[in-house]
Structure formats: C-alpha cells, structure tokens
Amino acid sequence: MGFPDKAGYKTLTAVAHTMMHNCHHLVTVFDACFSGSENTRLLAGGAEPEYLPADAEHPQHRIIFTRDYFASALHEIAHWCVAGAERRTLPDYGYWYAPDGRSAGQQAEFERVEVAPQALEWLFSCAAGSKFRVSADNLSQGLGASESFKDAIHARALWHCAHGVNPRTGAFLKALIATYHTADSLAELLQPERFPREHL
C-alpha cells in the first residue's frame, strides 16, 4: 500500500471520519483486544475521563472516556498504554491532575508528562485514519500547545518509528489497522512519512 498524495489523504480522512469513527465501534475493538488478556474495559459516557482499577464491586479495570468522543477514547487508551503494571493498580494511575486554568509553570509540567501519551495518540489516530490534534487542555488561560511541545511529540512519534512500541500498544495498533484498513502491517504504519511535523 502506497502513501496517498495530500489531496488523497484529506479525502480518505474525511471519509473515515464521517463513516467509521464511531466510539462504540472503538470500544468493541479495544475490548476484543484487552477485556480478557488485561481484564480491562473501555467505557464511554464519562463527564470527565478517568481510569479506575478493579475493586470489590467492579471485577474489571475501567478506562472511561468523555461522552462519546472518539479522540478522547484514543487519548485515554494512550495513557493506559504508557502506564506500567503498578500504575494500573491506582485510580488515574496515581497522578494528580491540575485542572484547566493552570499557570505557565504548571502548563510546562503538563506538557512534559503529556509527550508520551500524545505521541501514542497520534499513532492510534493514524492507524484509525482520524485527525490528531495536539491538546494543551488549558482553554481558560488561553495557553495553546507550545511549539516545543509539538516538537517533542513529533520526536517521540519518530522514536517509535525507529524503535517500535510496547506490546499493548502494538496489539492495539494492529487491531486498528485491521479494522480501518490504514496499512498492510504495523511496520508500514510506523513510517516517518506518516508523521510530518507540519500536521501538528
């Protein structure tokens, strides 16, 4: 499978967005991959995104994404793929989240810890044929994503192209590729040409 030209890429993305990017379909794909092997479910409908480990009332771990937003689902899955085994035993992986309205210093720290998950989200978006948008998540302060943040996400995506991804990330990418027919293989997906800096 060759890479489409710029016009072809836009057309394919628009078609995929209107016809295929249903969050409930994505839930089915995720659960087929991980409900058994990782005892983890993906759930829509949250007022805010949240990760909750299994407890006495809920036998499975839960990744809850915002309402029915496809991009929110991919972002939360990316955080789950970054988190190690110990982190996945803790609510929200044991991290404290600074809400919208962060200071410039807090925003810089937010960007530092968001590089890895947002790079994976970009890979997932590519595998699903959906548009990836860098999230600064600080609307009230008017602080958009810095160019250095975009540079770091781009560099991390290219690192994955050169060095690969962890097993859970790889399994999910392969499932997305099989579902959305965006590449012939994981190796073909993880090509630097698919992740140009100007797309951020």
N, C-alpha and C. Protein backbone atom coordinates (compact mmCIF):
# COMPACT_ATOMS: atom_id res chain seq x y z
N MET A 1 0.85 -1.20 0.00
CA MET A 1 0.00 0.00 0.00
C MET A 1 0.88 1.23 0.00
N GLY A 2 0.72 2.11 -1.00
CA GLY A 2 1.49 3.32 -1.06
C GLY A 2 0.84 4.44 -0.27
N PHE A 3 1.58 5.50 -0.03
CA PHE A 3 1.05 6.63 0.69
C PHE A 3 0.24 7.49 -0.28
N PRO A 4 -0.98 7.91 0.09
CA PRO A 4 -1.74 8.79 -0.79
C PRO A 4 -1.11 10.16 -0.85
N ASP A 5 -1.37 10.89 -1.98
CA ASP A 5 -0.90 12.27 -2.03
C ASP A 5 -1.72 13.12 -1.07
N LYS A 6 -1.39 14.42 -0.97
CA LYS A 6 -2.03 15.26 0.04
C LYS A 6 -3.54 15.32 -0.14
N ALA A 7 -3.98 15.48 -1.39
CA ALA A 7 -5.42 15.54 -1.65
C ALA A 7 -6.09 14.21 -1.32
N GLY A 8 -5.41 13.12 -1.68
CA GLY A 8 -5.95 11.80 -1.38
C GLY A 8 -6.02 11.52 0.10
N TYR A 9 -5.02 11.99 0.83
CA TYR A 9 -5.02 11.81 2.29
C TYR A 9 -6.20 12.53 2.91
N LYS A 10 -6.46 13.78 2.47
CA LYS A 10 -7.58 14.54 3.02
C LYS A 10 -8.91 13.85 2.71
N THR A 11 -9.03 13.32 1.51
CA THR A 11 -10.27 12.65 1.13
C THR A 11 -10.48 11.40 1.97
N LEU A 12 -9.44 10.59 2.12
CA LEU A 12 -9.55 9.37 2.91
C LEU A 12 -9.89 9.69 4.36
N THR A 13 -9.27 10.73 4.89
CA THR A 13 -9.53 11.11 6.28
C THR A 13 -10.97 11.57 6.46
N ALA A 14 -11.46 12.36 5.51
CA ALA A 14 -12.84 12.85 5.61
C ALA A 14 -13.83 11.70 5.53
N VAL A 15 -13.59 10.76 4.63
CA VAL A 15 -14.49 9.61 4.50
C VAL A 15 -14.47 8.78 5.78
N ALA A 16 -13.25 8.52 6.31
CA ALA A 16 -13.14 7.73 7.54
C ALA A 16 -13.86 8.41 8.69
N HIS A 17 -13.69 9.75 8.76
CA HIS A 17 -14.30 10.47 9.88
C HIS A 17 -15.82 10.38 9.86
N THR A 18 -16.41 10.51 8.66
CA THR A 18 -17.86 10.53 8.58
C THR A 18 -18.46 9.14 8.64
N MET A 19 -17.75 8.13 8.19
CA MET A 19 -18.35 6.81 8.06
C MET A 19 -17.93 5.84 9.16
N MET A 20 -16.75 6.00 9.71
CA MET A 20 -16.22 4.91 10.52
C MET A 20 -15.94 5.28 11.97
N HIS A 21 -15.82 6.54 12.30
CA HIS A 21 -15.31 6.88 13.63
C HIS A 21 -16.42 6.98 14.66
N ASN A 22 -16.93 5.82 14.96
CA ASN A 22 -17.96 5.66 15.96
C ASN A 22 -17.30 5.12 17.22
N CYS A 23 -17.48 5.81 18.33
CA CYS A 23 -16.77 5.41 19.55
C CYS A 23 -17.21 4.03 20.03
N HIS A 24 -18.44 3.65 19.77
CA HIS A 24 -18.90 2.34 20.21
C HIS A 24 -18.21 1.22 19.43
N HIS A 25 -17.90 1.50 18.18
CA HIS A 25 -17.11 0.56 17.39
C HIS A 25 -15.71 0.43 17.99
N LEU A 26 -15.15 1.57 18.40
CA LEU A 26 -13.82 1.56 19.01
C LEU A 26 -13.82 0.77 20.32
N VAL A 27 -14.88 0.92 21.10
CA VAL A 27 -15.00 0.15 22.34
C VAL A 27 -14.94 -1.35 22.05
N THR A 28 -15.63 -1.76 21.00
CA THR A 28 -15.63 -3.18 20.63
C THR A 28 -14.23 -3.65 20.26
N VAL A 29 -13.51 -2.82 19.51
CA VAL A 29 -12.14 -3.17 19.11
C VAL A 29 -11.24 -3.30 20.34
N PHE A 30 -11.32 -2.32 21.24
CA PHE A 30 -10.47 -2.37 22.44
C PHE A 30 -10.80 -3.58 23.30
N ASP A 31 -12.09 -3.80 23.55
CA ASP A 31 -12.48 -4.90 24.43
C ASP A 31 -12.08 -6.25 23.86
N ALA A 32 -12.14 -6.38 22.53
CA ALA A 32 -11.71 -7.64 21.91
C ALA A 32 -10.22 -7.89 22.16
N CYS A 33 -9.45 -6.80 22.24
CA CYS A 33 -8.01 -6.94 22.49
C CYS A 33 -7.69 -7.21 23.95
N PHE A 34 -8.38 -6.52 24.88
CA PHE A 34 -7.87 -6.44 26.24
C PHE A 34 -8.84 -6.83 27.36
N SER A 35 -10.10 -7.05 27.04
CA SER A 35 -11.03 -7.41 28.10
C SER A 35 -10.60 -8.70 28.79
N GLY A 36 -10.12 -9.65 28.02
CA GLY A 36 -9.66 -10.91 28.59
C GLY A 36 -8.22 -10.87 29.04
N SER A 37 -7.32 -10.47 28.14
CA SER A 37 -5.89 -10.55 28.43
C SER A 37 -5.43 -9.58 29.52
N GLU A 38 -6.06 -8.40 29.60
CA GLU A 38 -5.65 -7.39 30.58
C GLU A 38 -6.76 -7.07 31.59
N ASN A 39 -7.88 -7.78 31.48
CA ASN A 39 -9.02 -7.55 32.39
C ASN A 39 -9.41 -6.08 32.42
N THR A 40 -9.42 -5.45 31.25
CA THR A 40 -9.66 -4.01 31.16
C THR A 40 -10.71 -3.72 30.11
N ARG A 41 -11.67 -2.85 30.47
CA ARG A 41 -12.73 -2.43 29.57
C ARG A 41 -12.60 -0.95 29.24
N LEU A 42 -13.07 -0.59 28.05
CA LEU A 42 -13.16 0.80 27.63
C LEU A 42 -14.63 1.21 27.70
N LEU A 43 -14.92 2.32 28.38
CA LEU A 43 -16.31 2.73 28.60
C LEU A 43 -16.52 4.18 28.18
N ALA A 44 -17.59 4.43 27.45
CA ALA A 44 -17.97 5.77 27.04
C ALA A 44 -18.85 6.42 28.11
N GLY A 45 -19.08 7.73 27.95
CA GLY A 45 -20.10 8.40 28.74
C GLY A 45 -19.64 9.16 29.95
N GLY A 46 -18.34 9.27 30.19
CA GLY A 46 -17.88 9.99 31.37
C GLY A 46 -18.01 11.49 31.21
N ALA A 47 -18.38 12.18 32.29
CA ALA A 47 -18.36 13.65 32.26
C ALA A 47 -16.92 14.14 32.13
N GLU A 48 -16.00 13.39 32.71
CA GLU A 48 -14.56 13.62 32.60
C GLU A 48 -13.88 12.28 32.41
N PRO A 49 -12.75 12.25 31.73
CA PRO A 49 -12.03 10.98 31.58
C PRO A 49 -11.48 10.49 32.92
N GLU A 50 -11.40 9.18 33.06
CA GLU A 50 -10.97 8.62 34.34
C GLU A 50 -10.52 7.17 34.14
N TYR A 51 -9.52 6.76 34.91
CA TYR A 51 -9.13 5.35 34.96
C TYR A 51 -9.40 4.83 36.35
N LEU A 52 -10.11 3.70 36.44
CA LEU A 52 -10.46 3.09 37.72
C LEU A 52 -10.04 1.63 37.71
N PRO A 53 -9.17 1.24 38.64
CA PRO A 53 -8.78 -0.18 38.71
C PRO A 53 -9.92 -1.02 39.25
N ALA A 54 -9.83 -2.32 39.05
CA ALA A 54 -10.84 -3.25 39.56
C ALA A 54 -10.94 -3.12 41.08
N ASP A 55 -12.16 -3.34 41.59
CA ASP A 55 -12.38 -3.32 43.03
C ASP A 55 -13.45 -4.35 43.38
N ALA A 56 -13.92 -4.32 44.61
CA ALA A 56 -14.88 -5.33 45.07
C ALA A 56 -16.17 -5.32 44.27
N GLU A 57 -16.57 -4.15 43.78
CA GLU A 57 -17.82 -4.04 43.04
C GLU A 57 -17.64 -4.14 41.53
N HIS A 58 -16.42 -3.93 41.06
CA HIS A 58 -16.15 -3.93 39.62
C HIS A 58 -14.97 -4.86 39.35
N PRO A 59 -15.22 -6.04 38.82
CA PRO A 59 -14.15 -7.01 38.65
C PRO A 59 -13.13 -6.68 37.56
N GLN A 60 -13.45 -5.69 36.71
CA GLN A 60 -12.52 -5.33 35.64
C GLN A 60 -12.06 -3.87 35.80
N HIS A 61 -10.85 -3.60 35.34
CA HIS A 61 -10.34 -2.24 35.27
C HIS A 61 -11.15 -1.48 34.21
N ARG A 62 -11.32 -0.16 34.42
CA ARG A 62 -12.15 0.63 33.52
C ARG A 62 -11.42 1.89 33.04
N ILE A 63 -11.37 2.04 31.73
CA ILE A 63 -10.89 3.27 31.12
C ILE A 63 -12.14 4.02 30.65
N ILE A 64 -12.42 5.14 31.28
CA ILE A 64 -13.64 5.89 30.97
C ILE A 64 -13.26 7.14 30.20
N PHE A 65 -13.84 7.29 29.02
CA PHE A 65 -13.54 8.48 28.22
C PHE A 65 -14.74 9.41 28.15
N THR A 66 -14.49 10.64 27.74
CA THR A 66 -15.50 11.68 27.80
C THR A 66 -16.62 11.46 26.78
N ARG A 67 -17.83 11.38 27.29
CA ARG A 67 -19.06 11.29 26.50
C ARG A 67 -18.90 10.23 25.40
N ASP A 68 -19.00 10.66 24.12
CA ASP A 68 -18.84 9.70 23.03
C ASP A 68 -17.76 10.18 22.07
N TYR A 69 -16.72 10.82 22.63
CA TYR A 69 -15.70 11.45 21.80
C TYR A 69 -14.63 10.43 21.40
N PHE A 70 -14.48 10.23 20.11
CA PHE A 70 -13.52 9.28 19.58
C PHE A 70 -12.09 9.66 20.00
N ALA A 71 -11.75 10.95 19.87
CA ALA A 71 -10.40 11.39 20.23
C ALA A 71 -10.13 11.20 21.71
N SER A 72 -11.14 11.44 22.55
CA SER A 72 -10.96 11.22 23.99
C SER A 72 -10.66 9.76 24.28
N ALA A 73 -11.35 8.87 23.58
CA ALA A 73 -11.10 7.44 23.78
C ALA A 73 -9.66 7.09 23.43
N LEU A 74 -9.18 7.56 22.27
CA LEU A 74 -7.80 7.28 21.87
C LEU A 74 -6.80 7.86 22.87
N HIS A 75 -7.09 9.05 23.37
CA HIS A 75 -6.18 9.68 24.32
C HIS A 75 -6.09 8.88 25.62
N GLU A 76 -7.24 8.44 26.12
CA GLU A 76 -7.23 7.68 27.38
C GLU A 76 -6.58 6.30 27.19
N ILE A 77 -6.78 5.70 26.04
CA ILE A 77 -6.10 4.42 25.76
C ILE A 77 -4.59 4.64 25.72
N ALA A 78 -4.17 5.77 25.16
CA ALA A 78 -2.73 6.07 25.11
C ALA A 78 -2.15 6.18 26.52
N HIS A 79 -2.86 6.85 27.42
CA HIS A 79 -2.39 6.93 28.81
C HIS A 79 -2.28 5.53 29.42
N TRP A 80 -3.24 4.68 29.14
CA TRP A 80 -3.22 3.32 29.67
C TRP A 80 -2.03 2.54 29.11
N CYS A 81 -1.73 2.76 27.84
CA CYS A 81 -0.60 2.05 27.23
C CYS A 81 0.75 2.52 27.78
N VAL A 82 0.81 3.77 28.20
CA VAL A 82 2.05 4.30 28.79
C VAL A 82 2.23 3.78 30.22
N ALA A 83 1.14 3.65 30.95
CA ALA A 83 1.22 3.29 32.37
C ALA A 83 1.75 1.87 32.56
N GLY A 84 2.65 1.72 33.51
CA GLY A 84 3.18 0.41 33.84
C GLY A 84 2.23 -0.39 34.72
N ALA A 85 2.59 -1.62 35.03
CA ALA A 85 1.71 -2.52 35.78
C ALA A 85 1.32 -1.95 37.14
N GLU A 86 2.27 -1.38 37.87
CA GLU A 86 1.96 -0.84 39.20
C GLU A 86 1.04 0.37 39.09
N ARG A 87 1.31 1.25 38.14
CA ARG A 87 0.45 2.42 37.94
C ARG A 87 -0.99 2.00 37.63
N ARG A 88 -1.16 0.89 36.94
CA ARG A 88 -2.50 0.47 36.53
C ARG A 88 -3.31 -0.12 37.69
N THR A 89 -2.71 -0.21 38.87
CA THR A 89 -3.46 -0.63 40.06
C THR A 89 -4.02 0.56 40.82
N LEU A 90 -3.75 1.79 40.35
CA LEU A 90 -4.11 3.01 41.07
C LEU A 90 -5.13 3.83 40.28
N PRO A 91 -6.09 4.47 40.95
CA PRO A 91 -7.01 5.36 40.25
C PRO A 91 -6.24 6.46 39.51
N ASP A 92 -6.60 6.66 38.25
CA ASP A 92 -5.92 7.64 37.40
C ASP A 92 -4.40 7.46 37.42
N TYR A 93 -3.98 6.20 37.60
CA TYR A 93 -2.56 5.81 37.56
C TYR A 93 -1.74 6.50 38.65
N GLY A 94 -2.43 7.00 39.69
CA GLY A 94 -1.71 7.62 40.80
C GLY A 94 -1.26 9.04 40.55
N TYR A 95 -1.71 9.65 39.46
CA TYR A 95 -1.30 11.02 39.15
C TYR A 95 -2.35 12.02 39.62
N TRP A 96 -1.88 13.18 40.06
CA TRP A 96 -2.78 14.29 40.37
C TRP A 96 -2.92 15.13 39.12
N TYR A 97 -4.14 15.46 38.77
CA TYR A 97 -4.40 16.23 37.56
C TYR A 97 -4.70 17.68 37.91
N ALA A 98 -3.91 18.61 37.37
CA ALA A 98 -4.17 20.03 37.54
C ALA A 98 -5.22 20.45 36.53
N PRO A 99 -6.36 21.00 36.97
CA PRO A 99 -7.45 21.31 36.05
C PRO A 99 -7.15 22.50 35.15
N ASP A 100 -8.07 22.74 34.21
CA ASP A 100 -7.99 23.91 33.34
C ASP A 100 -7.82 25.16 34.18
N GLY A 101 -6.94 26.07 33.71
CA GLY A 101 -6.62 27.25 34.49
C GLY A 101 -5.22 27.19 35.07
N ARG A 102 -4.39 26.29 34.54
CA ARG A 102 -3.03 26.13 35.04
C ARG A 102 -2.18 27.36 34.76
N SER A 103 -1.23 27.61 35.64
CA SER A 103 -0.25 28.66 35.43
C SER A 103 0.72 28.23 34.32
N ALA A 104 1.56 29.17 33.89
CA ALA A 104 2.54 28.84 32.86
C ALA A 104 3.46 27.72 33.32
N GLY A 105 3.86 27.76 34.60
CA GLY A 105 4.73 26.70 35.12
C GLY A 105 4.03 25.36 35.17
N GLN A 106 2.78 25.36 35.63
CA GLN A 106 2.00 24.11 35.65
C GLN A 106 1.77 23.60 34.24
N GLN A 107 1.57 24.51 33.29
CA GLN A 107 1.36 24.10 31.90
C GLN A 107 2.61 23.44 31.34
N ALA A 108 3.78 23.98 31.69
CA ALA A 108 5.03 23.38 31.22
C ALA A 108 5.18 21.96 31.75
N GLU A 109 4.79 21.73 33.01
CA GLU A 109 4.85 20.39 33.58
C GLU A 109 3.84 19.47 32.91
N PHE A 110 2.64 20.01 32.64
CA PHE A 110 1.63 19.24 31.92
C PHE A 110 2.18 18.77 30.58
N GLU A 111 2.80 19.67 29.85
CA GLU A 111 3.35 19.31 28.54
C GLU A 111 4.43 18.24 28.67
N ARG A 112 5.24 18.36 29.70
CA ARG A 112 6.33 17.38 29.88
C ARG A 112 5.78 15.96 30.01
N VAL A 113 4.72 15.79 30.83
CA VAL A 113 4.22 14.44 31.07
C VAL A 113 3.26 13.97 29.97
N GLU A 114 2.81 14.89 29.12
CA GLU A 114 1.87 14.53 28.06
C GLU A 114 2.54 14.14 26.75
N VAL A 115 3.84 14.30 26.65
CA VAL A 115 4.52 13.98 25.38
C VAL A 115 4.29 12.52 25.00
N ALA A 116 4.57 11.60 25.91
CA ALA A 116 4.46 10.17 25.57
C ALA A 116 3.04 9.77 25.20
N PRO A 117 2.01 10.08 26.01
CA PRO A 117 0.66 9.67 25.60
C PRO A 117 0.18 10.36 24.34
N GLN A 118 0.52 11.63 24.13
CA GLN A 118 0.03 12.27 22.92
C GLN A 118 0.75 11.76 21.68
N ALA A 119 1.98 11.34 21.82
CA ALA A 119 2.65 10.70 20.68
C ALA A 119 1.96 9.38 20.33
N LEU A 120 1.60 8.59 21.34
CA LEU A 120 0.86 7.35 21.07
C LEU A 120 -0.51 7.64 20.49
N GLU A 121 -1.16 8.67 20.99
CA GLU A 121 -2.47 9.03 20.44
C GLU A 121 -2.34 9.36 18.95
N TRP A 122 -1.26 10.03 18.58
CA TRP A 122 -1.04 10.33 17.15
C TRP A 122 -0.89 9.03 16.35
N LEU A 123 -0.14 8.07 16.89
CA LEU A 123 -0.03 6.77 16.21
C LEU A 123 -1.39 6.10 16.08
N PHE A 124 -2.17 6.11 17.16
CA PHE A 124 -3.51 5.50 17.12
C PHE A 124 -4.40 6.20 16.10
N SER A 125 -4.33 7.53 16.07
CA SER A 125 -5.14 8.28 15.11
C SER A 125 -4.77 7.92 13.68
N CYS A 126 -3.48 7.80 13.44
CA CYS A 126 -3.02 7.40 12.10
C CYS A 126 -3.55 6.02 11.75
N ALA A 127 -3.48 5.09 12.70
CA ALA A 127 -3.95 3.72 12.45
C ALA A 127 -5.46 3.68 12.24
N ALA A 128 -6.19 4.63 12.83
CA ALA A 128 -7.65 4.68 12.67
C ALA A 128 -8.08 5.58 11.53
N GLY A 129 -7.14 6.30 10.91
CA GLY A 129 -7.50 7.22 9.85
C GLY A 129 -8.23 8.44 10.33
N SER A 130 -8.00 8.84 11.58
CA SER A 130 -8.68 10.00 12.16
C SER A 130 -7.69 11.14 12.36
N LYS A 131 -8.21 12.34 12.50
CA LYS A 131 -7.38 13.53 12.68
C LYS A 131 -6.85 13.60 14.10
N PHE A 132 -5.56 13.84 14.23
CA PHE A 132 -4.96 14.05 15.55
C PHE A 132 -4.75 15.54 15.77
N ARG A 133 -5.12 16.00 16.94
CA ARG A 133 -4.89 17.39 17.34
C ARG A 133 -4.15 17.40 18.68
N VAL A 134 -3.06 18.12 18.73
CA VAL A 134 -2.33 18.28 19.99
C VAL A 134 -3.24 18.99 20.98
N SER A 135 -3.27 18.49 22.22
CA SER A 135 -4.12 19.08 23.25
C SER A 135 -3.28 19.75 24.32
N ALA A 136 -3.49 21.08 24.48
CA ALA A 136 -2.86 21.79 25.58
C ALA A 136 -3.75 21.77 26.81
N ASP A 137 -5.06 21.57 26.61
CA ASP A 137 -6.02 21.37 27.70
C ASP A 137 -5.96 22.48 28.74
N ASN A 138 -5.88 23.72 28.28
CA ASN A 138 -5.83 24.86 29.21
C ASN A 138 -6.51 26.06 28.56
N LEU A 139 -7.79 25.88 28.24
CA LEU A 139 -8.51 26.88 27.46
C LEU A 139 -8.71 28.19 28.21
N SER A 140 -8.97 28.11 29.51
CA SER A 140 -9.32 29.33 30.24
C SER A 140 -8.16 30.30 30.33
N GLN A 141 -6.92 29.81 30.25
CA GLN A 141 -5.76 30.68 30.31
C GLN A 141 -5.29 31.11 28.93
N GLY A 142 -5.91 30.58 27.89
CA GLY A 142 -5.51 30.93 26.53
C GLY A 142 -4.13 30.43 26.17
N LEU A 143 -3.69 29.39 26.85
CA LEU A 143 -2.36 28.83 26.57
C LEU A 143 -2.49 27.64 25.64
N GLY A 144 -2.19 27.85 24.37
CA GLY A 144 -2.22 26.75 23.43
C GLY A 144 -0.97 25.90 23.54
N ALA A 145 -0.92 24.86 22.74
CA ALA A 145 0.25 23.98 22.74
C ALA A 145 1.48 24.75 22.25
N SER A 146 2.55 24.68 23.00
CA SER A 146 3.78 25.36 22.60
C SER A 146 4.43 24.63 21.44
N GLU A 147 5.25 25.35 20.69
CA GLU A 147 5.96 24.72 19.58
C GLU A 147 6.94 23.67 20.09
N SER A 148 7.51 23.91 21.27
CA SER A 148 8.44 22.91 21.82
C SER A 148 7.69 21.64 22.20
N PHE A 149 6.44 21.77 22.67
CA PHE A 149 5.61 20.61 22.96
C PHE A 149 5.34 19.82 21.69
N LYS A 150 4.97 20.51 20.63
CA LYS A 150 4.73 19.84 19.34
C LYS A 150 6.00 19.17 18.84
N ASP A 151 7.13 19.85 19.00
CA ASP A 151 8.41 19.26 18.57
C ASP A 151 8.68 17.96 19.33
N ALA A 152 8.40 17.98 20.64
CA ALA A 152 8.66 16.80 21.46
C ALA A 152 7.74 15.64 21.09
N ILE A 153 6.48 15.93 20.81
CA ILE A 153 5.55 14.89 20.37
C ILE A 153 6.01 14.30 19.03
N HIS A 154 6.40 15.18 18.13
CA HIS A 154 6.90 14.71 16.83
C HIS A 154 8.13 13.83 17.00
N ALA A 155 9.06 14.26 17.84
CA ALA A 155 10.28 13.48 18.05
C ALA A 155 9.96 12.12 18.66
N ARG A 156 9.00 12.08 19.59
CA ARG A 156 8.63 10.81 20.21
C ARG A 156 7.96 9.88 19.21
N ALA A 157 7.11 10.42 18.35
CA ALA A 157 6.49 9.59 17.31
C ALA A 157 7.55 8.99 16.39
N LEU A 158 8.54 9.80 16.00
CA LEU A 158 9.61 9.29 15.15
C LEU A 158 10.46 8.26 15.89
N TRP A 159 10.61 8.44 17.21
CA TRP A 159 11.34 7.45 18.00
C TRP A 159 10.64 6.10 17.91
N HIS A 160 9.31 6.11 18.01
CA HIS A 160 8.56 4.85 17.89
C HIS A 160 8.71 4.25 16.49
N CYS A 161 8.79 5.09 15.48
CA CYS A 161 9.00 4.57 14.13
C CYS A 161 10.33 3.82 14.04
N ALA A 162 11.33 4.32 14.74
CA ALA A 162 12.66 3.70 14.70
C ALA A 162 12.80 2.53 15.65
N HIS A 163 12.15 2.61 16.82
CA HIS A 163 12.40 1.63 17.88
C HIS A 163 11.21 0.76 18.25
N GLY A 164 10.04 1.05 17.70
CA GLY A 164 8.88 0.22 17.97
C GLY A 164 8.08 0.69 19.17
N VAL A 165 7.14 -0.12 19.58
CA VAL A 165 6.21 0.22 20.67
C VAL A 165 6.11 -0.97 21.61
N ASN A 166 5.52 -0.73 22.80
CA ASN A 166 5.38 -1.84 23.75
C ASN A 166 4.27 -2.80 23.30
N PRO A 167 4.18 -3.97 23.89
CA PRO A 167 3.24 -4.99 23.39
C PRO A 167 1.78 -4.56 23.37
N ARG A 168 1.31 -3.86 24.42
CA ARG A 168 -0.10 -3.45 24.42
C ARG A 168 -0.36 -2.43 23.31
N THR A 169 0.55 -1.48 23.16
CA THR A 169 0.41 -0.51 22.08
C THR A 169 0.42 -1.20 20.72
N GLY A 170 1.33 -2.13 20.54
CA GLY A 170 1.41 -2.84 19.27
C GLY A 170 0.16 -3.63 18.97
N ALA A 171 -0.39 -4.30 19.99
CA ALA A 171 -1.61 -5.08 19.79
C ALA A 171 -2.77 -4.19 19.38
N PHE A 172 -2.88 -3.01 20.02
CA PHE A 172 -3.99 -2.12 19.69
C PHE A 172 -3.80 -1.50 18.31
N LEU A 173 -2.58 -1.12 17.98
CA LEU A 173 -2.32 -0.59 16.64
C LEU A 173 -2.67 -1.61 15.57
N LYS A 174 -2.30 -2.86 15.78
CA LYS A 174 -2.63 -3.90 14.79
C LYS A 174 -4.14 -4.08 14.66
N ALA A 175 -4.86 -3.99 15.79
CA ALA A 175 -6.32 -4.11 15.73
C ALA A 175 -6.93 -2.94 14.98
N LEU A 176 -6.41 -1.73 15.20
CA LEU A 176 -6.91 -0.56 14.47
C LEU A 176 -6.63 -0.69 12.98
N ILE A 177 -5.44 -1.13 12.64
CA ILE A 177 -5.09 -1.31 11.22
C ILE A 177 -6.04 -2.31 10.56
N ALA A 178 -6.31 -3.41 11.25
CA ALA A 178 -7.20 -4.43 10.70
C ALA A 178 -8.62 -3.91 10.56
N THR A 179 -9.03 -3.04 11.46
CA THR A 179 -10.39 -2.51 11.45
C THR A 179 -10.58 -1.42 10.41
N TYR A 180 -9.62 -0.50 10.33
CA TYR A 180 -9.78 0.68 9.47
C TYR A 180 -9.00 0.61 8.16
N HIS A 181 -8.22 -0.47 7.99
CA HIS A 181 -7.53 -0.72 6.71
C HIS A 181 -6.64 0.46 6.31
N THR A 182 -5.85 0.92 7.25
CA THR A 182 -4.99 2.07 7.01
C THR A 182 -3.56 1.70 6.61
N ALA A 183 -3.19 0.46 6.73
CA ALA A 183 -1.86 -0.01 6.35
C ALA A 183 -1.92 -1.52 6.17
N ASP A 184 -0.88 -2.06 5.57
CA ASP A 184 -0.81 -3.51 5.40
C ASP A 184 -0.19 -4.21 6.61
N SER A 185 0.51 -3.43 7.44
CA SER A 185 1.18 -4.02 8.60
C SER A 185 1.55 -2.92 9.57
N LEU A 186 1.94 -3.32 10.78
CA LEU A 186 2.40 -2.35 11.77
C LEU A 186 3.68 -1.68 11.28
N ALA A 187 4.56 -2.44 10.65
CA ALA A 187 5.81 -1.86 10.15
C ALA A 187 5.53 -0.78 9.11
N GLU A 188 4.53 -1.01 8.28
CA GLU A 188 4.20 0.00 7.27
C GLU A 188 3.59 1.25 7.90
N LEU A 189 2.81 1.04 8.95
CA LEU A 189 2.23 2.20 9.64
C LEU A 189 3.31 3.07 10.26
N LEU A 190 4.30 2.43 10.89
CA LEU A 190 5.32 3.16 11.64
C LEU A 190 6.44 3.64 10.72
N GLN A 191 6.05 4.48 9.78
CA GLN A 191 6.99 5.09 8.85
C GLN A 191 7.01 6.59 9.10
N PRO A 192 8.19 7.21 9.14
CA PRO A 192 8.27 8.64 9.45
C PRO A 192 7.42 9.52 8.53
N GLU A 193 7.23 9.10 7.27
CA GLU A 193 6.46 9.90 6.32
C GLU A 193 5.01 10.10 6.78
N ARG A 194 4.54 9.22 7.60
CA ARG A 194 3.16 9.33 8.07
C ARG A 194 3.01 10.34 9.21
N PHE A 195 4.11 10.84 9.74
CA PHE A 195 4.05 11.71 10.91
C PHE A 195 4.85 13.00 10.67
N PRO A 196 4.45 13.78 9.68
CA PRO A 196 5.17 15.04 9.41
C PRO A 196 4.89 16.09 10.48
N ARG A 197 5.90 16.85 10.79
CA ARG A 197 5.78 17.89 11.83
C ARG A 197 4.69 18.90 11.50
N GLU A 198 4.49 19.19 10.22
CA GLU A 198 3.51 20.21 9.85
C GLU A 198 2.08 19.80 10.10
N HIS A 199 1.84 18.51 10.42
CA HIS A 199 0.49 18.07 10.75
C HIS A 199 0.10 18.39 12.19
N LEU A 200 1.06 18.89 12.97
CA LEU A 200 0.75 19.20 14.38
C LEU A 200 0.40 20.69 14.55
